C-alpha atoms as a PDB file:
ATOM      1  CA  MET A   1      28.106   7.511 -10.928  1.00  0.00           C
ATOM      2  CA  GLU A   2      28.819  10.073  -8.205  1.00  0.00           C
ATOM      3  CA  ALA A   3      27.258  12.850 -10.292  1.00  0.00           C
ATOM      4  CA  GLU A   4      24.161  10.712 -10.892  1.00  0.00           C
ATOM      5  CA  SER A   5      23.842  10.006  -7.170  1.00  0.00           C
ATOM      6  CA  SER A   6      24.199  13.705  -6.322  1.00  0.00           C
ATOM      7  CA  PHE A   7      21.551  14.588  -8.900  1.00  0.00           C
ATOM      8  CA  THR A   8      19.138  12.013  -7.472  1.00  0.00           C
ATOM      9  CA  ASP A   9      19.670  13.290  -3.921  1.00  0.00           C
ATOM     10  CA  ALA A  10      19.133  16.893  -5.031  1.00  0.00           C
ATOM     11  CA  LYS A  11      15.992  15.927  -6.954  1.00  0.00           C
ATOM     12  CA  ASP A  12      14.538  14.046  -3.971  1.00  0.00           C
ATOM     13  CA  GLU A  13      15.303  16.956  -1.644  1.00  0.00           C
ATOM     14  CA  ALA A  14      13.624  19.408  -4.028  1.00  0.00           C
ATOM     15  CA  MET A  15      10.549  17.160  -4.273  1.00  0.00           C
ATOM     16  CA  ASP A  16      10.325  16.950  -0.476  1.00  0.00           C
ATOM     17  CA  GLU A  17      10.518  20.730  -0.170  1.00  0.00           C
ATOM     18  CA  TRP A  18       7.919  21.205  -2.915  1.00  0.00           C
ATOM     19  CA  SER A  19       5.526  18.721  -1.307  1.00  0.00           C
ATOM     20  CA  ALA A  20       5.984  20.234   2.157  1.00  0.00           C
ATOM     21  CA  LEU A  21       5.278  23.706   0.734  1.00  0.00           C
ATOM     22  CA  LEU A  22       2.082  22.532  -0.945  1.00  0.00           C
ATOM     23  CA  CYS A  23       0.938  20.814   2.258  1.00  0.00           C
ATOM     24  CA  THR A  24       1.568  24.019   4.201  1.00  0.00           C
ATOM     25  CA  GLN A  25      -0.401  25.979   1.631  1.00  0.00           C
ATOM     26  CA  LEU A  26      -3.171  23.381   1.738  1.00  0.00           C
ATOM     27  CA  ASN A  27      -3.485  23.603   5.520  1.00  0.00           C
ATOM     28  CA  GLY A  28      -3.479  27.394   5.348  1.00  0.00           C
ATOM     29  CA  SER A  29      -5.885  27.785   2.427  1.00  0.00           C
ATOM     30  CA  LYS A  30      -8.278  30.687   2.941  1.00  0.00           C
ATOM     31  CA  ASN A  31     -11.163  29.236   0.939  1.00  0.00           C
ATOM     32  CA  LEU A  32     -12.389  26.011  -0.643  1.00  0.00           C
ATOM     33  CA  LYS A  33     -11.226  26.931  -4.155  1.00  0.00           C
ATOM     34  CA  GLU A  34      -7.669  27.568  -2.974  1.00  0.00           C
ATOM     35  CA  LYS A  35      -7.697  24.357  -0.915  1.00  0.00           C
ATOM     36  CA  TRP A  36      -8.738  22.208  -3.906  1.00  0.00           C
ATOM     37  CA  SER A  37      -6.203  23.913  -6.162  1.00  0.00           C
ATOM     38  CA  ASN A  38      -3.339  22.975  -3.822  1.00  0.00           C
ATOM     39  CA  PHE A  39      -4.744  19.473  -3.314  1.00  0.00           C
ATOM     40  CA  LYS A  40      -4.811  18.810  -7.080  1.00  0.00           C
ATOM     41  CA  LYS A  41      -1.212  19.989  -7.445  1.00  0.00           C
ATOM     42  CA  LEU A  42      -0.134  17.613  -4.702  1.00  0.00           C
ATOM     43  CA  THR A  43      -1.927  14.576  -6.144  1.00  0.00           C
ATOM     44  CA  LYS A  44      -1.090  15.186  -9.792  1.00  0.00           C
ATOM     45  CA  LYS A  45       2.494  13.892  -9.760  1.00  0.00           C
ATOM     46  CA  ASN A  46       3.333  11.159 -12.254  1.00  0.00           C
ATOM     47  CA  GLU A  47       5.247   7.986 -11.462  1.00  0.00           C
ATOM     48  CA  ASN A  48       7.718   6.452 -13.918  1.00  0.00           C
ATOM     49  CA  ASN A  49       6.743   2.943 -14.963  1.00  0.00           C
ATOM     50  CA  PHE A  50       8.821   2.684 -18.139  1.00  0.00           C
ATOM     51  CA  VAL A  51       9.120  -0.817 -19.587  1.00  0.00           C
ATOM     52  CA  LEU A  52      11.412  -1.364 -22.579  1.00  0.00           C
ATOM     53  CA  PRO A  53      10.141  -3.021 -25.790  1.00  0.00           C
ATOM     54  CA  PHE A  54       9.801  -6.812 -25.549  1.00  0.00           C
ATOM     55  CA  LEU A  55      10.783  -9.584 -27.936  1.00  0.00           C
ATOM     56  CA  ASP A  56       7.995 -12.075 -28.552  1.00  0.00           C
ATOM     57  CA  SER A  57       8.472 -15.818 -29.210  1.00  0.00           C
ATOM     58  CA  ASN A  58       8.967 -15.107 -32.924  1.00  0.00           C
ATOM     59  CA  GLY A  59      11.651 -12.499 -32.351  1.00  0.00           C
ATOM     60  CA  ASN A  60       9.367  -9.574 -33.165  1.00  0.00           C
ATOM     61  CA  ILE A  61       9.935  -6.333 -31.276  1.00  0.00           C
ATOM     62  CA  LEU A  62       6.856  -5.122 -29.410  1.00  0.00           C
ATOM     63  CA  PHE A  63       6.681  -1.359 -28.969  1.00  0.00           C
ATOM     64  CA  GLU A  64       2.977  -0.850 -28.296  1.00  0.00           C
ATOM     65  CA  GLU A  65       1.986  -0.547 -24.640  1.00  0.00           C
ATOM     66  CA  GLU A  66      -0.996  -2.870 -25.137  1.00  0.00           C
ATOM     67  CA  ASP A  67       1.272  -5.629 -26.492  1.00  0.00           C
ATOM     68  CA  LYS A  68       3.697  -5.275 -23.594  1.00  0.00           C
ATOM     69  CA  GLU A  69       0.845  -5.280 -21.091  1.00  0.00           C
ATOM     70  CA  LYS A  70      -0.511  -8.507 -22.622  1.00  0.00           C
ATOM     71  CA  ILE A  71       2.835 -10.301 -22.235  1.00  0.00           C
ATOM     72  CA  LEU A  72       3.255  -9.073 -18.656  1.00  0.00           C
ATOM     73  CA  GLU A  73      -0.277 -10.168 -17.788  1.00  0.00           C
ATOM     74  CA  ASP A  74       0.234 -13.633 -19.294  1.00  0.00           C
ATOM     75  CA  THR A  75       3.578 -14.043 -17.515  1.00  0.00           C
ATOM     76  CA  PHE A  76       2.702 -12.895 -14.016  1.00  0.00           C
ATOM     77  CA  PHE A  77      -1.068 -13.311 -13.700  1.00  0.00           C
ATOM     78  CA  LYS A  78      -1.966 -16.278 -15.906  1.00  0.00           C
ATOM     79  CA  GLY A  79       0.995 -18.610 -15.391  1.00  0.00           C
ATOM     80  CA  ASN A  80       1.061 -22.187 -14.123  1.00  0.00           C
ATOM     81  CA  HIS A  81       1.917 -20.930 -10.649  1.00  0.00           C
ATOM     82  CA  LEU A  82      -1.699 -19.727 -10.423  1.00  0.00           C
ATOM     83  CA  ASN A  83      -3.170 -23.080 -11.398  1.00  0.00           C
ATOM     84  CA  ALA A  84      -6.369 -23.694  -9.443  1.00  0.00           C
ATOM     85  CA  ASN A  85      -5.297 -27.294  -8.830  1.00  0.00           C
ATOM     86  CA  ASN A  86      -2.566 -25.999  -6.526  1.00  0.00           C
ATOM     87  CA  PHE A  87      -5.083 -24.209  -4.301  1.00  0.00           C
ATOM     88  CA  ASP A  88      -6.082 -25.933  -1.057  1.00  0.00           C
ATOM     89  CA  ASN A  89      -9.854 -25.499  -1.108  1.00  0.00           C
ATOM     90  CA  ASP A  90     -10.385 -27.668   1.969  1.00  0.00           C
ATOM     91  CA  PHE A  91      -8.090 -25.511   4.070  1.00  0.00           C
ATOM     92  CA  TYR A  92      -9.725 -22.328   2.747  1.00  0.00           C
ATOM     93  CA  THR A  93     -13.195 -23.666   3.581  1.00  0.00           C
ATOM     94  CA  GLU A  94     -12.088 -24.667   7.086  1.00  0.00           C
ATOM     95  CA  ILE A  95     -10.651 -21.225   7.828  1.00  0.00           C
ATOM     96  CA  MET A  96     -13.703 -19.425   6.431  1.00  0.00           C
ATOM     97  CA  GLU A  97     -16.038 -21.520   8.577  1.00  0.00           C
ATOM     98  CA  LYS A  98     -14.009 -20.660  11.682  1.00  0.00           C
ATOM     99  CA  TYR A  99     -14.053 -16.982  10.731  1.00  0.00           C
ATOM    100  CA  ILE A 100     -17.830 -16.958  10.212  1.00  0.00           C
ATOM    101  CA  ASN A 101     -18.433 -18.775  13.506  1.00  0.00           C
ATOM    102  CA  ILE A 102     -16.293 -16.260  15.365  1.00  0.00           C
ATOM    103  CA  THR A 103     -18.030 -13.246  13.805  1.00  0.00           C
ATOM    104  CA  LEU A 104     -21.487 -14.651  14.578  1.00  0.00           C
ATOM    105  CA  SER A 105     -20.708 -15.828  18.088  1.00  0.00           C
ATOM    106  CA  GLU A 106     -22.432 -13.872  20.850  1.00  0.00           C
ATOM    107  CA  GLU A 107     -19.680 -14.862  23.248  1.00  0.00           C
ATOM    108  CA  VAL A 108     -16.992 -12.877  21.453  1.00  0.00           C
ATOM    109  CA  GLU A 109     -15.504 -10.390  23.865  1.00  0.00           C
ATOM    110  CA  GLU A 110     -16.450  -6.881  22.822  1.00  0.00           C
ATOM    111  CA  GLU A 111     -14.213  -5.110  25.277  1.00  0.00           C
ATOM    112  CA  GLY A 112     -10.453  -5.089  25.414  1.00  0.00           C
ATOM    113  CA  TYR A 113      -7.577  -3.490  23.572  1.00  0.00           C
ATOM    114  CA  MET A 114      -8.243  -5.187  20.228  1.00  0.00           C
ATOM    115  CA  ASN A 115     -11.755  -3.717  19.986  1.00  0.00           C
ATOM    116  CA  GLU A 116     -11.105  -0.259  21.371  1.00  0.00           C
ATOM    117  CA  GLU A 117     -11.462   2.803  19.194  1.00  0.00           C
ATOM    118  CA  ILE A 118      -8.291   3.846  17.413  1.00  0.00           C
ATOM    119  CA  SER A 119      -6.649   6.653  19.345  1.00  0.00           C
ATOM    120  CA  ARG A 120      -5.077   9.753  17.890  1.00  0.00           C
ATOM    121  CA  ASP A 121      -1.688   8.599  19.197  1.00  0.00           C
ATOM    122  CA  GLU A 122      -2.037   5.308  17.298  1.00  0.00           C
ATOM    123  CA  LEU A 123      -2.928   7.135  14.097  1.00  0.00           C
ATOM    124  CA  GLU A 124      -0.109   9.653  14.377  1.00  0.00           C
ATOM    125  CA  GLY A 125       2.339   6.848  15.224  1.00  0.00           C
ATOM    126  CA  SER A 126       1.320   4.947  12.103  1.00  0.00           C
ATOM    127  CA  ILE A 127       1.610   8.066   9.946  1.00  0.00           C
ATOM    128  CA  ALA A 128       5.104   8.717  11.337  1.00  0.00           C
ATOM    129  CA  LYS A 129       6.234   5.377   9.872  1.00  0.00           C
ATOM    130  CA  LEU A 130       5.102   6.202   6.331  1.00  0.00           C
ATOM    131  CA  LYS A 131       7.886   6.494   3.782  1.00  0.00           C
ATOM    132  CA  LYS A 132       8.235   9.770   1.944  1.00  0.00           C
ATOM    133  CA  ASN A 133       8.042   9.709  -1.856  1.00  0.00           C
ATOM    134  CA  SER A 134       6.218   6.365  -1.857  1.00  0.00           C
ATOM    135  CA  ALA A 135       4.095   5.925  -4.958  1.00  0.00           C
ATOM    136  CA  PRO A 136       0.333   6.175  -4.377  1.00  0.00           C
ATOM    137  CA  GLY A 137      -2.309   3.533  -4.904  1.00  0.00           C
ATOM    138  CA  PRO A 138      -5.395   3.800  -7.133  1.00  0.00           C
ATOM    139  CA  ASP A 139      -6.804   6.638  -4.999  1.00  0.00           C
ATOM    140  CA  ASN A 140      -3.787   8.760  -6.037  1.00  0.00           C
ATOM    141  CA  ILE A 141      -3.201  10.020  -2.480  1.00  0.00           C
ATOM    142  CA  PHE A 142       0.505  10.580  -1.814  1.00  0.00           C
ATOM    143  CA  THR A 143       2.194   9.975   1.520  1.00  0.00           C
ATOM    144  CA  GLU A 144       3.296  13.614   1.731  1.00  0.00           C
ATOM    145  CA  LEU A 145      -0.332  14.678   2.039  1.00  0.00           C
ATOM    146  CA  ILE A 146      -0.850  12.401   5.055  1.00  0.00           C
ATOM    147  CA  ILE A 147       2.554  13.062   6.656  1.00  0.00           C
ATOM    148  CA  ASN A 148       1.944  16.818   6.564  1.00  0.00           C
ATOM    149  CA  ALA A 149      -1.742  16.584   7.467  1.00  0.00           C
ATOM    150  CA  GLY A 150      -3.243  19.241   9.699  1.00  0.00           C
ATOM    151  CA  ASP A 151      -5.573  18.719  12.660  1.00  0.00           C
ATOM    152  CA  SER A 152      -8.684  18.743  10.489  1.00  0.00           C
ATOM    153  CA  LEU A 153      -7.486  15.919   8.224  1.00  0.00           C
ATOM    154  CA  ILE A 154      -6.178  13.867  11.165  1.00  0.00           C
ATOM    155  CA  SER A 155      -9.560  14.128  12.886  1.00  0.00           C
ATOM    156  CA  THR A 156     -11.349  13.116   9.681  1.00  0.00           C
ATOM    157  CA  LEU A 157      -9.100  10.083   9.172  1.00  0.00           C
ATOM    158  CA  LEU A 158      -9.602   9.063  12.791  1.00  0.00           C
ATOM    159  CA  HIS A 159     -13.371   9.153  12.280  1.00  0.00           C
ATOM    160  CA  ILE A 160     -13.145   7.102   9.054  1.00  0.00           C
ATOM    161  CA  PHE A 161     -10.886   4.452  10.619  1.00  0.00           C
ATOM    162  CA  ASN A 162     -13.076   4.035  13.689  1.00  0.00           C
ATOM    163  CA  LYS A 163     -16.216   3.900  11.562  1.00  0.00           C
ATOM    164  CA  SER A 164     -14.560   1.177   9.511  1.00  0.00           C
ATOM    165  CA  ILE A 165     -13.848  -0.891  12.645  1.00  0.00           C
ATOM    166  CA  GLU A 166     -17.340  -0.289  14.001  1.00  0.00           C
ATOM    167  CA  GLU A 167     -19.017  -1.516  10.801  1.00  0.00           C
ATOM    168  CA  GLY A 168     -16.457  -4.197   9.974  1.00  0.00           C
ATOM    169  CA  ARG A 169     -15.902  -2.810   6.488  1.00  0.00           C
ATOM    170  CA  ILE A 170     -13.217  -0.936   4.581  1.00  0.00           C
ATOM    171  CA  PRO A 171     -13.562   1.223   1.452  1.00  0.00           C
ATOM    172  CA  ILE A 172     -13.279  -0.803  -1.750  1.00  0.00           C
ATOM    173  CA  GLN A 173     -10.524   1.563  -2.949  1.00  0.00           C
ATOM    174  CA  TRP A 174      -8.269   0.280  -0.164  1.00  0.00           C
ATOM    175  CA  LYS A 175      -8.516  -3.256  -1.562  1.00  0.00           C
ATOM    176  CA  ARG A 176      -7.331  -2.291  -5.031  1.00  0.00           C
ATOM    177  CA  ALA A 177      -3.773  -1.903  -6.271  1.00  0.00           C
ATOM    178  CA  ASN A 178      -1.843  -0.419  -9.159  1.00  0.00           C
ATOM    179  CA  VAL A 179       0.711  -2.938 -10.431  1.00  0.00           C
ATOM    180  CA  LYS A 180       4.051  -1.466 -11.485  1.00  0.00           C
ATOM    181  CA  PHE A 181       7.039  -3.298 -12.952  1.00  0.00           C
ATOM    182  CA  LEU A 182      10.570  -2.599 -11.735  1.00  0.00           C
ATOM    183  CA  LYS A 183      13.769  -3.596 -13.492  1.00  0.00           C
ATOM    184  CA  LYS A 184      15.736  -6.333 -11.752  1.00  0.00           C
ATOM    185  CA  ALA A 185      19.336  -5.325 -11.122  1.00  0.00           C
ATOM    186  CA  GLY A 186      22.162  -6.980 -13.028  1.00  0.00           C
ATOM    187  CA  LYS A 187      20.235  -8.102 -16.114  1.00  0.00           C
ATOM    188  CA  SER A 188      22.033  -8.047 -19.477  1.00  0.00           C
ATOM    189  CA  ASN A 189      18.884  -6.756 -21.195  1.00  0.00           C
ATOM    190  CA  TYR A 190      15.347  -5.794 -20.344  1.00  0.00           C
ATOM    191  CA  ASN A 191      13.495  -7.122 -23.368  1.00  0.00           C
ATOM    192  CA  HIS A 192      11.842 -10.000 -21.521  1.00  0.00           C
ATOM    193  CA  PRO A 193       9.294 -10.002 -18.656  1.00  0.00           C
ATOM    194  CA  SER A 194      11.657 -12.096 -16.504  1.00  0.00           C
ATOM    195  CA  SER A 195      13.885  -9.014 -16.241  1.00  0.00           C
ATOM    196  CA  TYR A 196      11.171  -7.234 -14.283  1.00  0.00           C
ATOM    197  CA  ARG A 197       9.398  -7.791 -10.992  1.00  0.00           C
ATOM    198  CA  PRO A 198       5.856  -6.619 -10.230  1.00  0.00           C
ATOM    199  CA  ILE A 199       4.951  -4.613  -7.160  1.00  0.00           C
ATOM    200  CA  SER A 200       1.475  -3.689  -5.970  1.00  0.00           C
ATOM    201  CA  LEU A 201       0.886  -0.090  -4.961  1.00  0.00           C
ATOM    202  CA  THR A 202      -2.006   0.129  -2.525  1.00  0.00           C
ATOM    203  CA  SER A 203      -3.770   2.991  -0.794  1.00  0.00           C
ATOM    204  CA  VAL A 204      -1.699   4.978   1.701  1.00  0.00           C
ATOM    205  CA  LEU A 205      -4.791   5.302   3.878  1.00  0.00           C
ATOM    206  CA  GLY A 206      -5.322   1.551   3.797  1.00  0.00           C
ATOM    207  CA  LYS A 207      -1.695   0.907   4.744  1.00  0.00           C
ATOM    208  CA  THR A 208      -1.919   3.426   7.581  1.00  0.00           C
ATOM    209  CA  MET A 209      -4.893   1.646   9.122  1.00  0.00           C
ATOM    210  CA  GLU A 210      -3.365  -1.764   8.406  1.00  0.00           C
ATOM    211  CA  ARG A 211      -0.264  -0.849  10.403  1.00  0.00           C
ATOM    212  CA  ILE A 212      -2.410   0.134  13.398  1.00  0.00           C
ATOM    213  CA  ILE A 213      -4.251  -3.200  13.330  1.00  0.00           C
ATOM    214  CA  THR A 214      -1.008  -5.130  12.784  1.00  0.00           C
ATOM    215  CA  THR A 215       0.557  -3.465  15.827  1.00  0.00           C
ATOM    216  CA  ARG A 216      -2.450  -4.429  17.935  1.00  0.00           C
ATOM    217  CA  VAL A 217      -2.324  -8.032  16.722  1.00  0.00           C
ATOM    218  CA  GLU A 218       1.415  -8.187  17.386  1.00  0.00           C
ATOM    219  CA  CYS A 219       0.947  -6.936  20.959  1.00  0.00           C
ATOM    220  CA  TYR A 220      -1.875  -9.420  21.539  1.00  0.00           C
ATOM    221  CA  VAL A 221       0.082 -12.378  20.157  1.00  0.00           C
ATOM    222  CA  GLU A 222       3.103 -11.560  22.297  1.00  0.00           C
ATOM    223  CA  SER A 223       1.113 -10.860  25.478  1.00  0.00           C
ATOM    224  CA  GLU A 224      -0.799 -14.151  25.130  1.00  0.00           C
ATOM    225  CA  ASN A 225       2.362 -16.039  24.133  1.00  0.00           C
ATOM    226  CA  ILE A 226       0.402 -17.643  21.306  1.00  0.00           C
ATOM    227  CA  PHE A 227       3.400 -18.776  19.269  1.00  0.00           C
ATOM    228  CA  ARG A 228       5.399 -20.243  22.142  1.00  0.00           C
ATOM    229  CA  HIS A 229       5.086 -23.853  20.855  1.00  0.00           C
ATOM    230  CA  ARG A 230       4.854 -23.160  17.150  1.00  0.00           C
ATOM    231  CA  THR A 231       7.726 -20.972  16.056  1.00  0.00           C
ATOM    232  CA  GLY A 232      11.372 -20.415  16.568  1.00  0.00           C
ATOM    233  CA  ARG A 233      12.922 -17.358  18.028  1.00  0.00           C
ATOM    234  CA  PHE A 234      11.991 -14.827  15.378  1.00  0.00           C
ATOM    235  CA  GLN A 235       8.632 -13.580  14.163  1.00  0.00           C
ATOM    236  CA  THR A 236       7.797 -11.050  11.473  1.00  0.00           C
ATOM    237  CA  PHE A 237       4.641  -8.974  11.390  1.00  0.00           C
END
């Protein structure tokens, strides 16, 4: 166990050093060809998503990836917990009407902290909170690339984020997710979907902007004391 832990630590440290080196080379690339070569190396890493063979209802062992994917899809994305009858359409309609009225209202305050352009400090603060070695989303952009970004990339991201706020839209890639399945600890076997839990891997860029907006909302909620009559002592954002 100790040897395994030491190996994992050494592997993670080597990956960090390798990623940092590539980012340094990327920032210092002398021409476009060299820049793209280093970028492709950095975004070409593979993530382990190994799921063991499943046993179906008849006791047959399923080795094919397509068969395992079908069982996982039926279990997690087509189960009774997603029954449309359990969805509160009235509440959804009410909230959407309020949202539309707010967006169309000419009385909405355009000034103020919530509507200001994202500052470089906000962006760099959000990037500083990214976790190293986090798996990428569908855009295949790793956190190391953003964490080690140079001035040029930071300025480009700042422009994209502020353009997104100005137009009230975000790239469709930021709304998508890669679903991975992790083994639950302490299971006697891993031949059934219940021994796994799904996680959604979304865009690092989307999460970076989301954290900036979340921080603004948190500050606004606390400064206006919005939850004073509705919650207990603790709040999570």
